[in-house]
Structures are given as structure tokens and as C-alpha cells.
Amino acid sequence: MDRSGESVFEVDLDRIESGIAVILAPGGFGWHLPEAYLPPGVTEGMTMKVVLSKDEDSTSARIERINDLRRRLENRD
């Protein structure tokens, strides 16, 4: 992880099967993602960068939705 709080690493697009991208990640892990998630122009054999970062606003919103649902369920008659 770098100082910006992001983790950046490279993955390789192995192949696309029936609209599913088979991506090879570090450590021999494989990911299967819808082809629509790929950047435009990416083809089999290309290397891509992946950036992972925290999204505190989305996390807070998700927690609030869960808490709201919990309150509604607890107050049901």
C-alpha cells in the first residue's frame, strides 16, 4: 500500500469465455468478472493495473442502510 492509502498491482487478462473475463492476479489467484468491467480496448494477454482504495462515504452509507433496516425489523409488530 502506498502513502495515498491505495493498493496498486498488475493483473493479466488470460481469456474471455462467454462474456466472462478470466484474470490472473498475483499469487496465482484467478478472478472471473463480466467482460463489461474491462477497460475499453483490453484484449486477451494484456496487463492491467488494479487500484484498490477505501470508500469511506459508501461504507458509511451502507452501515446507515443496515442500521435503518435493523431498526425497522426490530420495531415490527
C-alpha atoms as a PDB file:
ATOM      1  CA  MET A   1       0.000   0.000   0.000  1.00  0.00           C
ATOM      2  CA  ASP A   2       1.360   3.413  -0.860  1.00  0.00           C
ATOM      3  CA  ARG A   3       1.028   6.681   1.061  1.00  0.00           C
ATOM      4  CA  SER A   4      -2.222   7.626  -0.653  1.00  0.00           C
ATOM      5  CA  GLY A   5      -3.963   4.697   1.024  1.00  0.00           C
ATOM      6  CA  GLU A   6      -4.276   2.838  -2.249  1.00  0.00           C
ATOM      7  CA  SER A   7      -3.011  -0.579  -3.191  1.00  0.00           C
ATOM      8  CA  VAL A   8      -1.899  -0.901  -6.829  1.00  0.00           C
ATOM      9  CA  PHE A   9      -0.893  -4.115  -8.579  1.00  0.00           C
ATOM     10  CA  GLU A  10      -0.905  -5.704 -12.025  1.00  0.00           C
ATOM     11  CA  VAL A  11      -3.132  -8.463 -13.379  1.00  0.00           C
ATOM     12  CA  ASP A  12      -3.213 -10.227 -16.738  1.00  0.00           C
ATOM     13  CA  LEU A  13      -6.262 -10.900 -18.880  1.00  0.00           C
ATOM     14  CA  ASP A  14      -5.904 -14.589 -19.673  1.00  0.00           C
ATOM     15  CA  ARG A  15      -9.009 -15.066 -21.771  1.00  0.00           C
ATOM     16  CA  ILE A  16     -12.665 -14.203 -22.258  1.00  0.00           C
ATOM     17  CA  GLU A  17     -15.194 -17.043 -22.193  1.00  0.00           C
ATOM     18  CA  SER A  18     -18.880 -16.409 -22.899  1.00  0.00           C
ATOM     19  CA  GLY A  19     -18.629 -12.786 -21.760  1.00  0.00           C
ATOM     20  CA  ILE A  20     -16.614 -13.613 -18.615  1.00  0.00           C
ATOM     21  CA  ALA A  21     -13.066 -12.248 -18.299  1.00  0.00           C
ATOM     22  CA  VAL A  22     -10.620 -14.673 -16.695  1.00  0.00           C
ATOM     23  CA  ILE A  23      -7.993 -12.534 -14.954  1.00  0.00           C
ATOM     24  CA  LEU A  24      -4.774 -13.834 -13.430  1.00  0.00           C
ATOM     25  CA  ALA A  25      -3.772 -11.970 -10.290  1.00  0.00           C
ATOM     26  CA  PRO A  26      -0.565 -12.082  -8.234  1.00  0.00           C
ATOM     27  CA  GLY A  27      -0.012 -15.252  -6.270  1.00  0.00           C
ATOM     28  CA  GLY A  28      -1.717 -17.412  -8.875  1.00  0.00           C
ATOM     29  CA  PHE A  29      -5.210 -16.296  -7.965  1.00  0.00           C
ATOM     30  CA  GLY A  30      -7.825 -16.106 -10.689  1.00  0.00           C
ATOM     31  CA  TRP A  31     -10.739 -13.706 -10.931  1.00  0.00           C
ATOM     32  CA  HIS A  32     -13.838 -14.042 -13.060  1.00  0.00           C
ATOM     33  CA  LEU A  33     -15.513 -10.754 -13.953  1.00  0.00           C
ATOM     34  CA  PRO A  34     -18.082  -9.717 -16.535  1.00  0.00           C
ATOM     35  CA  GLU A  35     -16.305  -8.618 -19.709  1.00  0.00           C
ATOM     36  CA  ALA A  36     -18.166  -5.288 -19.439  1.00  0.00           C
ATOM     37  CA  TYR A  37     -15.995  -4.423 -16.397  1.00  0.00           C
ATOM     38  CA  LEU A  38     -12.855  -4.332 -18.544  1.00  0.00           C
ATOM     39  CA  PRO A  39     -11.480  -1.017 -19.794  1.00  0.00           C
ATOM     40  CA  PRO A  40     -12.173  -0.304 -23.475  1.00  0.00           C
ATOM     41  CA  GLY A  41      -9.651  -1.839 -25.855  1.00  0.00           C
ATOM     42  CA  VAL A  42      -8.321  -4.505 -23.474  1.00  0.00           C
ATOM     43  CA  THR A  43      -7.720  -7.817 -25.221  1.00  0.00           C
ATOM     44  CA  GLU A  44      -6.521 -11.250 -24.145  1.00  0.00           C
ATOM     45  CA  GLY A  45      -2.905 -11.263 -22.996  1.00  0.00           C
ATOM     46  CA  MET A  46      -2.849  -7.626 -21.899  1.00  0.00           C
ATOM     47  CA  THR A  47      -1.699  -6.475 -18.467  1.00  0.00           C
ATOM     48  CA  MET A  48      -3.864  -4.107 -16.464  1.00  0.00           C
ATOM     49  CA  LYS A  49      -3.366  -2.157 -13.255  1.00  0.00           C
ATOM     50  CA  VAL A  50      -5.792  -2.652 -10.389  1.00  0.00           C
ATOM     51  CA  VAL A  51      -6.251   0.104  -7.823  1.00  0.00           C
ATOM     52  CA  LEU A  52      -7.921  -0.714  -4.518  1.00  0.00           C
ATOM     53  CA  SER A  53      -8.884   2.091  -2.192  1.00  0.00           C
ATOM     54  CA  LYS A  54     -11.203   2.642   0.739  1.00  0.00           C
ATOM     55  CA  ASP A  55     -14.507   4.364   0.071  1.00  0.00           C
ATOM     56  CA  GLU A  56     -15.450   5.764   3.451  1.00  0.00           C
ATOM     57  CA  ASP A  57     -18.570   7.564   2.190  1.00  0.00           C
ATOM     58  CA  SER A  58     -20.025   4.390   0.653  1.00  0.00           C
ATOM     59  CA  THR A  59     -19.131   2.396   3.742  1.00  0.00           C
ATOM     60  CA  SER A  60     -20.899   4.900   5.998  1.00  0.00           C
ATOM     61  CA  ALA A  61     -23.973   4.920   3.755  1.00  0.00           C
ATOM     62  CA  ARG A  62     -24.098   1.109   3.731  1.00  0.00           C
ATOM     63  CA  ILE A  63     -23.832   0.960   7.532  1.00  0.00           C
ATOM     64  CA  GLU A  64     -26.639   3.507   7.863  1.00  0.00           C
ATOM     65  CA  ARG A  65     -28.883   1.490   5.499  1.00  0.00           C
ATOM     66  CA  ILE A  66     -28.217  -1.682   7.517  1.00  0.00           C
ATOM     67  CA  ASN A  67     -28.896   0.087  10.814  1.00  0.00           C
ATOM     68  CA  ASP A  68     -32.128   1.554   9.411  1.00  0.00           C
ATOM     69  CA  LEU A  69     -33.274  -1.878   8.267  1.00  0.00           C
ATOM     70  CA  ARG A  70     -32.387  -3.383  11.644  1.00  0.00           C
ATOM     71  CA  ARG A  71     -34.418  -0.672  13.446  1.00  0.00           C
ATOM     72  CA  ARG A  72     -37.413  -1.277  11.183  1.00  0.00           C
ATOM     73  CA  LEU A  73     -37.245  -5.028  11.721  1.00  0.00           C
ATOM     74  CA  GLU A  74     -36.947  -4.648  15.492  1.00  0.00           C
ATOM     75  CA  ASN A  75     -39.987  -2.333  15.601  1.00  0.00           C
ATOM     76  CA  ARG A  76     -42.298  -4.606  13.593  1.00  0.00           C
ATOM     77  CA  ASP A  77     -45.479  -5.718  15.341  1.00  0.00           C
END
